[in-house]
Amino acid sequence: MVLYQALDDDLRIVYSQIFRKLRFIQLRDKDAIHLLNRRDYELIKLSFEKYTVKLNLLQFYKKSFALKARTYRKYNQAYFEEIVINNDIESRVAFNYRERFLVTPEDIYIVFEMYCKEDYDEQFKKTKKERISHKQFVDLFIICIRNDSFKIAMLIYSLYLNP
């Protein structure tokens, strides 16, 4: 609770110290937005090493709030990318985040998996795909079919898989 209060009050020294000490965390969507808007890339990277915990935060707060973290076992590039897509994040902040964290083929593939599971076809079209292998496209196609993401499945099939 102290972590959430420190994030709400924008006390970076306090929440960064708490963040470093915790082994398990649960970020609210507004906490992830706060880290992105503050361009706190050090803590975002640190969150990739933490495990998520499923707390019933509604017992501490009177109003309900968005909690996208419930669907993730571990915070990764896909979690923050989904926060960028679903919330009002400034385009420059989103660009800086992507430039910093969507660098390796593994990172991009993690995000593509999320695009396929959540049917984010516009973002899929915009993201560079040069570093994705044929086998990874086959795996993404299968994920799309399993999750009823037919637009992305058709894109992958027509553009990247040779019939």
C-alpha atoms as a PDB file:
ATOM      1  CA  MET A   1       0.000   0.000   0.000  1.00  0.00           C
ATOM      2  CA  VAL A   2       2.916   2.308   0.711  1.00  0.00           C
ATOM      3  CA  LEU A   3       4.178   1.738  -2.834  1.00  0.00           C
ATOM      4  CA  TYR A   4       0.825   2.775  -4.295  1.00  0.00           C
ATOM      5  CA  GLN A   5       0.633   5.867  -2.092  1.00  0.00           C
ATOM      6  CA  ALA A   6       4.175   6.873  -3.058  1.00  0.00           C
ATOM      7  CA  LEU A   7       3.308   6.437  -6.753  1.00  0.00           C
ATOM      8  CA  ASP A   8       0.103   8.442  -6.310  1.00  0.00           C
ATOM      9  CA  ASP A   9       2.020  11.224  -4.540  1.00  0.00           C
ATOM     10  CA  ASP A  10       4.861  11.130  -7.105  1.00  0.00           C
ATOM     11  CA  LEU A  11       7.536  10.477  -4.499  1.00  0.00           C
ATOM     12  CA  ARG A  12      10.126   8.896  -6.789  1.00  0.00           C
ATOM     13  CA  ILE A  13      12.808   8.329  -4.168  1.00  0.00           C
ATOM     14  CA  VAL A  14      10.353   6.506  -1.928  1.00  0.00           C
ATOM     15  CA  TYR A  15       8.676   4.343  -4.551  1.00  0.00           C
ATOM     16  CA  SER A  16      11.945   3.483  -6.287  1.00  0.00           C
ATOM     17  CA  GLN A  17      13.428   2.252  -2.980  1.00  0.00           C
ATOM     18  CA  ILE A  18      10.302   0.209  -2.201  1.00  0.00           C
ATOM     19  CA  PHE A  19      10.238  -1.125  -5.766  1.00  0.00           C
ATOM     20  CA  ARG A  20      13.822  -2.355  -5.483  1.00  0.00           C
ATOM     21  CA  LYS A  21      13.139  -4.184  -2.195  1.00  0.00           C
ATOM     22  CA  LEU A  22      10.016  -6.057  -3.305  1.00  0.00           C
ATOM     23  CA  ARG A  23      10.331  -9.413  -4.976  1.00  0.00           C
ATOM     24  CA  PHE A  24       6.662  -9.649  -5.971  1.00  0.00           C
ATOM     25  CA  ILE A  25       4.737  -6.644  -7.261  1.00  0.00           C
ATOM     26  CA  GLN A  26       1.363  -5.811  -8.690  1.00  0.00           C
ATOM     27  CA  LEU A  27       1.181  -2.689 -10.782  1.00  0.00           C
ATOM     28  CA  ARG A  28      -2.071  -0.914 -11.336  1.00  0.00           C
ATOM     29  CA  ASP A  29      -2.548   0.447 -14.841  1.00  0.00           C
ATOM     30  CA  LYS A  30      -2.091   3.980 -13.549  1.00  0.00           C
ATOM     31  CA  ASP A  31       1.244   2.956 -11.989  1.00  0.00           C
ATOM     32  CA  ALA A  32       2.497   1.689 -15.347  1.00  0.00           C
ATOM     33  CA  ILE A  33       1.224   4.867 -17.012  1.00  0.00           C
ATOM     34  CA  HIS A  34       3.037   6.901 -14.354  1.00  0.00           C
ATOM     35  CA  LEU A  35       6.319   5.058 -15.031  1.00  0.00           C
ATOM     36  CA  LEU A  36       5.914   5.531 -18.786  1.00  0.00           C
ATOM     37  CA  ASN A  37       4.993   9.220 -18.582  1.00  0.00           C
ATOM     38  CA  ARG A  38       7.898   9.902 -16.218  1.00  0.00           C
ATOM     39  CA  ARG A  39      10.139   7.936 -18.597  1.00  0.00           C
ATOM     40  CA  ASP A  40      11.348   5.942 -15.636  1.00  0.00           C
ATOM     41  CA  TYR A  41      12.994   3.310 -17.820  1.00  0.00           C
ATOM     42  CA  GLU A  42      15.173   2.046 -14.997  1.00  0.00           C
ATOM     43  CA  LEU A  43      12.128   0.949 -12.971  1.00  0.00           C
ATOM     44  CA  ILE A  44      10.351  -0.366 -16.056  1.00  0.00           C
ATOM     45  CA  LYS A  45      13.359  -2.564 -16.780  1.00  0.00           C
ATOM     46  CA  LEU A  46      13.475  -3.595 -13.114  1.00  0.00           C
ATOM     47  CA  SER A  47       9.794  -4.610 -13.295  1.00  0.00           C
ATOM     48  CA  PHE A  48      10.724  -7.183 -15.967  1.00  0.00           C
ATOM     49  CA  GLU A  49      12.698  -9.018 -13.273  1.00  0.00           C
ATOM     50  CA  LYS A  50       9.888  -8.998 -10.692  1.00  0.00           C
ATOM     51  CA  TYR A  51       7.127 -11.544 -10.388  1.00  0.00           C
ATOM     52  CA  THR A  52       3.508 -10.509 -10.289  1.00  0.00           C
ATOM     53  CA  VAL A  53       1.331 -11.190  -7.326  1.00  0.00           C
ATOM     54  CA  LYS A  54      -2.446 -11.361  -7.413  1.00  0.00           C
ATOM     55  CA  LEU A  55      -3.720  -9.079  -4.680  1.00  0.00           C
ATOM     56  CA  ASN A  56      -7.338  -8.178  -4.168  1.00  0.00           C
ATOM     57  CA  LEU A  57      -6.741  -4.433  -4.264  1.00  0.00           C
ATOM     58  CA  LEU A  58     -10.451  -3.680  -4.210  1.00  0.00           C
ATOM     59  CA  GLN A  59     -10.494  -4.378  -0.486  1.00  0.00           C
ATOM     60  CA  PHE A  60      -8.205  -1.354  -0.017  1.00  0.00           C
ATOM     61  CA  TYR A  61      -9.866   1.037  -2.463  1.00  0.00           C
ATOM     62  CA  LYS A  62     -13.472   2.139  -2.617  1.00  0.00           C
ATOM     63  CA  LYS A  63     -13.526   2.679  -6.384  1.00  0.00           C
ATOM     64  CA  SER A  64     -12.602  -0.010  -8.870  1.00  0.00           C
ATOM     65  CA  PHE A  65      -9.848   0.626 -11.394  1.00  0.00           C
ATOM     66  CA  ALA A  66      -8.269  -0.990 -14.420  1.00  0.00           C
ATOM     67  CA  LEU A  67      -5.841  -3.774 -13.675  1.00  0.00           C
ATOM     68  CA  LYS A  68      -4.390  -5.241 -16.884  1.00  0.00           C
ATOM     69  CA  ALA A  69      -1.638  -6.953 -14.855  1.00  0.00           C
ATOM     70  CA  ARG A  70      -4.020  -9.747 -13.856  1.00  0.00           C
ATOM     71  CA  THR A  71      -3.429 -11.425 -17.201  1.00  0.00           C
ATOM     72  CA  TYR A  72       0.364 -11.418 -16.890  1.00  0.00           C
ATOM     73  CA  ARG A  73       2.507 -13.779 -14.825  1.00  0.00           C
ATOM     74  CA  LYS A  74       5.538 -11.595 -15.234  1.00  0.00           C
ATOM     75  CA  TYR A  75       5.817  -8.020 -16.418  1.00  0.00           C
ATOM     76  CA  ASN A  76       7.410  -7.735 -19.836  1.00  0.00           C
ATOM     77  CA  GLN A  77       7.478  -5.576 -22.942  1.00  0.00           C
ATOM     78  CA  ALA A  78       4.015  -6.789 -23.940  1.00  0.00           C
ATOM     79  CA  TYR A  79       2.446  -5.549 -20.689  1.00  0.00           C
ATOM     80  CA  PHE A  80       3.781  -2.028 -21.106  1.00  0.00           C
ATOM     81  CA  GLU A  81       2.993  -2.061 -24.829  1.00  0.00           C
ATOM     82  CA  GLU A  82      -0.613  -2.911 -23.994  1.00  0.00           C
ATOM     83  CA  ILE A  83      -0.683  -0.027 -21.504  1.00  0.00           C
ATOM     84  CA  VAL A  84       0.616   2.273 -24.268  1.00  0.00           C
ATOM     85  CA  ILE A  85      -2.049   1.073 -26.712  1.00  0.00           C
ATOM     86  CA  ASN A  86      -5.033   1.182 -24.343  1.00  0.00           C
ATOM     87  CA  ASN A  87      -4.306   4.445 -22.560  1.00  0.00           C
ATOM     88  CA  ASP A  88      -3.681   8.049 -23.450  1.00  0.00           C
ATOM     89  CA  ILE A  89       0.111   7.923 -23.666  1.00  0.00           C
ATOM     90  CA  GLU A  90       1.842  10.749 -25.486  1.00  0.00           C
ATOM     91  CA  SER A  91       3.170   9.577 -28.864  1.00  0.00           C
ATOM     92  CA  ARG A  92       6.717  10.715 -28.090  1.00  0.00           C
ATOM     93  CA  VAL A  93       6.716   8.730 -24.842  1.00  0.00           C
ATOM     94  CA  ALA A  94       5.409   5.656 -26.705  1.00  0.00           C
ATOM     95  CA  PHE A  95       8.096   6.089 -29.367  1.00  0.00           C
ATOM     96  CA  ASN A  96      10.838   6.399 -26.738  1.00  0.00           C
ATOM     97  CA  TYR A  97       9.538   3.305 -24.926  1.00  0.00           C
ATOM     98  CA  ARG A  98       9.457   1.245 -28.120  1.00  0.00           C
ATOM     99  CA  GLU A  99      12.874   2.483 -29.212  1.00  0.00           C
ATOM    100  CA  ARG A 100      14.363   1.451 -25.885  1.00  0.00           C
ATOM    101  CA  PHE A 101      12.568  -1.837 -25.145  1.00  0.00           C
ATOM    102  CA  LEU A 102      11.539  -3.311 -28.504  1.00  0.00           C
ATOM    103  CA  VAL A 103      15.047  -3.881 -29.815  1.00  0.00           C
ATOM    104  CA  THR A 104      15.824  -7.585 -29.922  1.00  0.00           C
ATOM    105  CA  PRO A 105      13.865 -10.111 -32.002  1.00  0.00           C
ATOM    106  CA  GLU A 106      12.776 -11.831 -28.765  1.00  0.00           C
ATOM    107  CA  ASP A 107      11.302  -8.599 -27.391  1.00  0.00           C
ATOM    108  CA  ILE A 108       9.457  -7.895 -30.629  1.00  0.00           C
ATOM    109  CA  TYR A 109       8.162 -11.471 -30.743  1.00  0.00           C
ATOM    110  CA  ILE A 110       6.802 -11.156 -27.179  1.00  0.00           C
ATOM    111  CA  VAL A 111       4.861  -8.079 -28.258  1.00  0.00           C
ATOM    112  CA  PHE A 112       3.657  -9.768 -31.452  1.00  0.00           C
ATOM    113  CA  GLU A 113       2.294 -12.636 -29.365  1.00  0.00           C
ATOM    114  CA  MET A 114       0.266 -10.116 -27.367  1.00  0.00           C
ATOM    115  CA  TYR A 115      -0.937  -8.429 -30.578  1.00  0.00           C
ATOM    116  CA  CYS A 116      -2.135 -11.822 -31.831  1.00  0.00           C
ATOM    117  CA  LYS A 117      -3.858 -12.750 -28.578  1.00  0.00           C
ATOM    118  CA  GLU A 118      -5.604  -9.378 -28.217  1.00  0.00           C
ATOM    119  CA  ASP A 119      -6.221  -8.742 -31.961  1.00  0.00           C
ATOM    120  CA  TYR A 120      -4.293  -5.452 -32.213  1.00  0.00           C
ATOM    121  CA  ASP A 121      -4.064  -5.498 -36.002  1.00  0.00           C
ATOM    122  CA  GLU A 122      -3.236  -1.785 -36.463  1.00  0.00           C
ATOM    123  CA  GLN A 123      -0.246  -2.008 -34.146  1.00  0.00           C
ATOM    124  CA  PHE A 124       0.818  -5.251 -35.820  1.00  0.00           C
ATOM    125  CA  LYS A 125       0.880  -3.490 -39.198  1.00  0.00           C
ATOM    126  CA  LYS A 126       2.968  -0.588 -37.842  1.00  0.00           C
ATOM    127  CA  THR A 127       5.665  -2.642 -36.109  1.00  0.00           C
ATOM    128  CA  LYS A 128       8.812  -3.619 -37.999  1.00  0.00           C
ATOM    129  CA  LYS A 129       8.969  -7.305 -38.809  1.00  0.00           C
ATOM    130  CA  GLU A 130      12.359  -7.742 -40.504  1.00  0.00           C
ATOM    131  CA  ARG A 131      13.912  -9.571 -37.564  1.00  0.00           C
ATOM    132  CA  ILE A 132      11.132 -12.145 -37.146  1.00  0.00           C
ATOM    133  CA  SER A 133      11.917 -15.593 -38.535  1.00  0.00           C
ATOM    134  CA  HIS A 134       9.658 -17.748 -40.680  1.00  0.00           C
ATOM    135  CA  LYS A 135       9.169 -20.209 -37.801  1.00  0.00           C
ATOM    136  CA  GLN A 136       8.090 -17.363 -35.505  1.00  0.00           C
ATOM    137  CA  PHE A 137       5.553 -16.214 -38.107  1.00  0.00           C
ATOM    138  CA  VAL A 138       4.174 -19.759 -38.229  1.00  0.00           C
ATOM    139  CA  ASP A 139       3.885 -19.739 -34.418  1.00  0.00           C
ATOM    140  CA  LEU A 140       2.195 -16.311 -34.516  1.00  0.00           C
ATOM    141  CA  PHE A 141      -0.237 -17.570 -37.157  1.00  0.00           C
ATOM    142  CA  ILE A 142      -1.201 -20.477 -34.878  1.00  0.00           C
ATOM    143  CA  ILE A 143      -1.667 -18.095 -31.930  1.00  0.00           C
ATOM    144  CA  CYS A 144      -3.916 -15.905 -34.088  1.00  0.00           C
ATOM    145  CA  ILE A 145      -6.099 -18.822 -35.126  1.00  0.00           C
ATOM    146  CA  ARG A 146      -6.427 -20.039 -31.526  1.00  0.00           C
ATOM    147  CA  ASN A 147      -7.441 -16.565 -30.333  1.00  0.00           C
ATOM    148  CA  ASP A 148      -9.776 -15.674 -33.218  1.00  0.00           C
ATOM    149  CA  SER A 149      -7.491 -12.892 -34.477  1.00  0.00           C
ATOM    150  CA  PHE A 150      -8.357 -13.527 -38.083  1.00  0.00           C
ATOM    151  CA  LYS A 151      -7.243 -10.143 -39.452  1.00  0.00           C
ATOM    152  CA  ILE A 152      -3.699 -10.644 -38.217  1.00  0.00           C
ATOM    153  CA  ALA A 153      -3.783 -14.310 -39.251  1.00  0.00           C
ATOM    154  CA  MET A 154      -4.701 -13.304 -42.804  1.00  0.00           C
ATOM    155  CA  LEU A 155      -1.963 -10.670 -42.842  1.00  0.00           C
ATOM    156  CA  ILE A 156       0.636 -13.170 -41.681  1.00  0.00           C
ATOM    157  CA  TYR A 157      -0.551 -15.827 -44.104  1.00  0.00           C
ATOM    158  CA  SER A 158      -0.700 -13.568 -47.154  1.00  0.00           C
ATOM    159  CA  LEU A 159       2.478 -11.574 -46.505  1.00  0.00           C
ATOM    160  CA  TYR A 160       4.872 -13.838 -44.628  1.00  0.00           C
ATOM    161  CA  LEU A 161       3.909 -17.475 -45.208  1.00  0.00           C
ATOM    162  CA  ASN A 162       4.358 -18.893 -48.671  1.00  0.00           C
ATOM    163  CA  PRO A 163       1.471 -21.196 -49.586  1.00  0.00           C
END
